[in-house]
Every structure is written in C-alpha cells, then in structure tokens.
Amino acid sequence: MEKTEIVQIISNRLAKSRAEFEIFFSRKKILSCDMKDGQLDHFRSLTELGVALRILDDGKLGFPYLYGPNPDTLLQLTERAVEMASQADRDRHW
C-alpha cells in the first residue's frame, strides 16, 4: 500500500471523531539465508512497512502499531486506537 492511501483510510475513519492524530511509518528490511553442506540453501529478502497511529481524544492517548497494513487492518488499527484512548486516563498536560 502507498502511504497516501494509508493516510486517506485513517483520516476518513477518524473524520467523524474529534480526535487529533499522528501517523508514523517505519520500514523494516529482512534478509535471511541458510547454508547447507557449504552451499546456499535458502535466500530471502523482504521489506515490511509498519504503521503506528497516535490519537489524542479529550486528553486521552491511544497508540497502537502494526506491520503489513491493508484496508482491513488499518480499520482495526483505528478502532484499537479509539478503544485504547477511551480506557486511558486523561492527561491535563496534553
């Protein structure tokens, strides 16, 4: 998924709430190889995109994270952020 698509999905979901939010992206590169009898047996290269969402709703913070975003997991991410914030204590310094 493109970052702009991720931002759009999250923005659309949170547009109805009064929560402020920030989206963080990370990229993880994984390289693995296995040797067997002195020969390369397995080689794998993978890049994963991570997305963290921090919301502030009425002074309450929610901050979930995921790897491998898709439309369904992004909606779950926003739901977790809202749920986490609803259960958090209000921080008057925010």
C-alpha atoms as a PDB file:
ATOM      1  CA  MET A   1       0.000   0.000   0.000  1.00  0.00           C
ATOM      2  CA  GLU A   2       1.072   3.547  -0.666  1.00  0.00           C
ATOM      3  CA  LYS A   3       1.462   5.914   2.267  1.00  0.00           C
ATOM      4  CA  THR A   4      -1.076   8.351   0.814  1.00  0.00           C
ATOM      5  CA  GLU A   5      -3.685   5.577   0.690  1.00  0.00           C
ATOM      6  CA  ILE A   6      -2.949   4.660   4.313  1.00  0.00           C
ATOM      7  CA  VAL A   7      -3.320   8.283   5.419  1.00  0.00           C
ATOM      8  CA  GLN A   8      -6.603   8.571   3.497  1.00  0.00           C
ATOM      9  CA  ILE A   9      -8.112   5.432   5.064  1.00  0.00           C
ATOM     10  CA  ILE A  10      -7.181   6.506   8.588  1.00  0.00           C
ATOM     11  CA  SER A  11      -8.268  10.120   8.004  1.00  0.00           C
ATOM     12  CA  ASN A  12     -11.643   9.027   6.634  1.00  0.00           C
ATOM     13  CA  ARG A  13     -12.262   6.726   9.608  1.00  0.00           C
ATOM     14  CA  LEU A  14     -11.334   9.356  12.202  1.00  0.00           C
ATOM     15  CA  ALA A  15     -13.029  12.286  10.412  1.00  0.00           C
ATOM     16  CA  LYS A  16     -16.225  11.763  12.407  1.00  0.00           C
ATOM     17  CA  SER A  17     -14.455  11.878  15.755  1.00  0.00           C
ATOM     18  CA  ARG A  18     -12.986  14.884  17.496  1.00  0.00           C
ATOM     19  CA  ALA A  19      -9.666  13.113  17.996  1.00  0.00           C
ATOM     20  CA  GLU A  20      -6.394  14.590  16.813  1.00  0.00           C
ATOM     21  CA  PHE A  21      -3.987  12.065  15.331  1.00  0.00           C
ATOM     22  CA  GLU A  22      -0.493  11.421  14.028  1.00  0.00           C
ATOM     23  CA  ILE A  23       0.626   8.595  11.753  1.00  0.00           C
ATOM     24  CA  PHE A  24       4.137   7.158  11.949  1.00  0.00           C
ATOM     25  CA  PHE A  25       5.712   4.968   9.279  1.00  0.00           C
ATOM     26  CA  SER A  26       8.661   2.618   9.556  1.00  0.00           C
ATOM     27  CA  ARG A  27      10.239   0.304   7.053  1.00  0.00           C
ATOM     28  CA  LYS A  28      11.929  -2.915   8.137  1.00  0.00           C
ATOM     29  CA  LYS A  29      14.258  -4.814   5.814  1.00  0.00           C
ATOM     30  CA  ILE A  30      14.797  -8.508   6.483  1.00  0.00           C
ATOM     31  CA  LEU A  31      17.498 -10.573   4.848  1.00  0.00           C
ATOM     32  CA  SER A  32      17.855 -14.250   5.657  1.00  0.00           C
ATOM     33  CA  CYS A  33      19.906 -17.031   4.158  1.00  0.00           C
ATOM     34  CA  ASP A  34      20.555 -20.634   5.087  1.00  0.00           C
ATOM     35  CA  MET A  35      23.573 -22.716   4.234  1.00  0.00           C
ATOM     36  CA  LYS A  36      23.511 -26.481   3.856  1.00  0.00           C
ATOM     37  CA  ASP A  37      26.610 -28.548   3.176  1.00  0.00           C
ATOM     38  CA  GLY A  38      28.557 -25.382   2.376  1.00  0.00           C
ATOM     39  CA  GLN A  39      26.042 -24.251  -0.260  1.00  0.00           C
ATOM     40  CA  LEU A  40      23.396 -21.566  -0.196  1.00  0.00           C
ATOM     41  CA  ASP A  41      20.149 -23.413   0.515  1.00  0.00           C
ATOM     42  CA  HIS A  42      17.708 -20.575   1.049  1.00  0.00           C
ATOM     43  CA  PHE A  43      17.793 -16.818   0.459  1.00  0.00           C
ATOM     44  CA  ARG A  44      15.032 -14.368   1.289  1.00  0.00           C
ATOM     45  CA  SER A  45      14.825 -10.589   1.140  1.00  0.00           C
ATOM     46  CA  LEU A  46      11.748  -8.831   2.496  1.00  0.00           C
ATOM     47  CA  THR A  47      10.713  -5.280   3.252  1.00  0.00           C
ATOM     48  CA  GLU A  48       7.830  -4.649   5.657  1.00  0.00           C
ATOM     49  CA  LEU A  49       6.006  -1.391   6.235  1.00  0.00           C
ATOM     50  CA  GLY A  50       4.975  -0.562   9.784  1.00  0.00           C
ATOM     51  CA  VAL A  51       2.293   1.937  10.762  1.00  0.00           C
ATOM     52  CA  ALA A  52       1.738   3.458  14.181  1.00  0.00           C
ATOM     53  CA  LEU A  53      -1.229   5.654  14.980  1.00  0.00           C
ATOM     54  CA  ARG A  54      -1.296   8.030  17.920  1.00  0.00           C
ATOM     55  CA  ILE A  55      -4.620   9.666  18.713  1.00  0.00           C
ATOM     56  CA  LEU A  56      -5.496  12.173  21.354  1.00  0.00           C
ATOM     57  CA  ASP A  57      -9.176  12.263  22.228  1.00  0.00           C
ATOM     58  CA  ASP A  58     -10.260  14.601  25.011  1.00  0.00           C
ATOM     59  CA  GLY A  59      -6.822  14.428  26.644  1.00  0.00           C
ATOM     60  CA  LYS A  60      -6.676  10.623  26.415  1.00  0.00           C
ATOM     61  CA  LEU A  61      -3.998   8.851  24.385  1.00  0.00           C
ATOM     62  CA  GLY A  62      -4.227   5.727  22.206  1.00  0.00           C
ATOM     63  CA  PHE A  63      -1.125   4.410  20.406  1.00  0.00           C
ATOM     64  CA  PRO A  64      -1.339   1.057  18.508  1.00  0.00           C
ATOM     65  CA  TYR A  65       1.092  -0.280  15.879  1.00  0.00           C
ATOM     66  CA  LEU A  66       1.041  -2.846  13.076  1.00  0.00           C
ATOM     67  CA  TYR A  67       3.150  -4.321  10.277  1.00  0.00           C
ATOM     68  CA  GLY A  68       1.834  -5.090   6.806  1.00  0.00           C
ATOM     69  CA  PRO A  69      -1.080  -2.665   6.501  1.00  0.00           C
ATOM     70  CA  ASN A  70      -4.103  -3.364   4.338  1.00  0.00           C
ATOM     71  CA  PRO A  71      -7.534  -1.676   4.382  1.00  0.00           C
ATOM     72  CA  ASP A  72      -8.970  -4.133   6.945  1.00  0.00           C
ATOM     73  CA  THR A  73      -6.022  -3.980   9.352  1.00  0.00           C
ATOM     74  CA  LEU A  74      -5.953  -0.173   9.111  1.00  0.00           C
ATOM     75  CA  LEU A  75      -9.585  -0.020  10.187  1.00  0.00           C
ATOM     76  CA  GLN A  76      -8.731  -2.363  13.073  1.00  0.00           C
ATOM     77  CA  LEU A  77      -5.786  -0.111  13.943  1.00  0.00           C
ATOM     78  CA  THR A  78      -8.031   2.943  14.184  1.00  0.00           C
ATOM     79  CA  GLU A  79     -10.558   1.005  16.273  1.00  0.00           C
ATOM     80  CA  ARG A  80      -7.796  -0.088  18.674  1.00  0.00           C
ATOM     81  CA  ALA A  81      -6.545   3.494  18.943  1.00  0.00           C
ATOM     82  CA  VAL A  82     -10.027   4.769  19.805  1.00  0.00           C
ATOM     83  CA  GLU A  83     -10.568   1.933  22.300  1.00  0.00           C
ATOM     84  CA  MET A  84      -7.174   2.495  23.951  1.00  0.00           C
ATOM     85  CA  ALA A  85      -7.876   6.209  24.290  1.00  0.00           C
ATOM     86  CA  SER A  86     -11.319   5.566  25.768  1.00  0.00           C
ATOM     87  CA  GLN A  87      -9.743   3.434  28.512  1.00  0.00           C
ATOM     88  CA  ALA A  88      -6.800   5.749  29.246  1.00  0.00           C
ATOM     89  CA  ASP A  89      -6.635   8.338  31.986  1.00  0.00           C
ATOM     90  CA  ARG A  90      -6.965  11.949  30.901  1.00  0.00           C
ATOM     91  CA  ASP A  91      -3.659  13.841  30.861  1.00  0.00           C
ATOM     92  CA  ARG A  92      -4.270  17.521  31.508  1.00  0.00           C
ATOM     93  CA  HIS A  93      -0.842  18.421  30.077  1.00  0.00           C
ATOM     94  CA  TRP A  94      -1.852  17.425  26.561  1.00  0.00           C
END
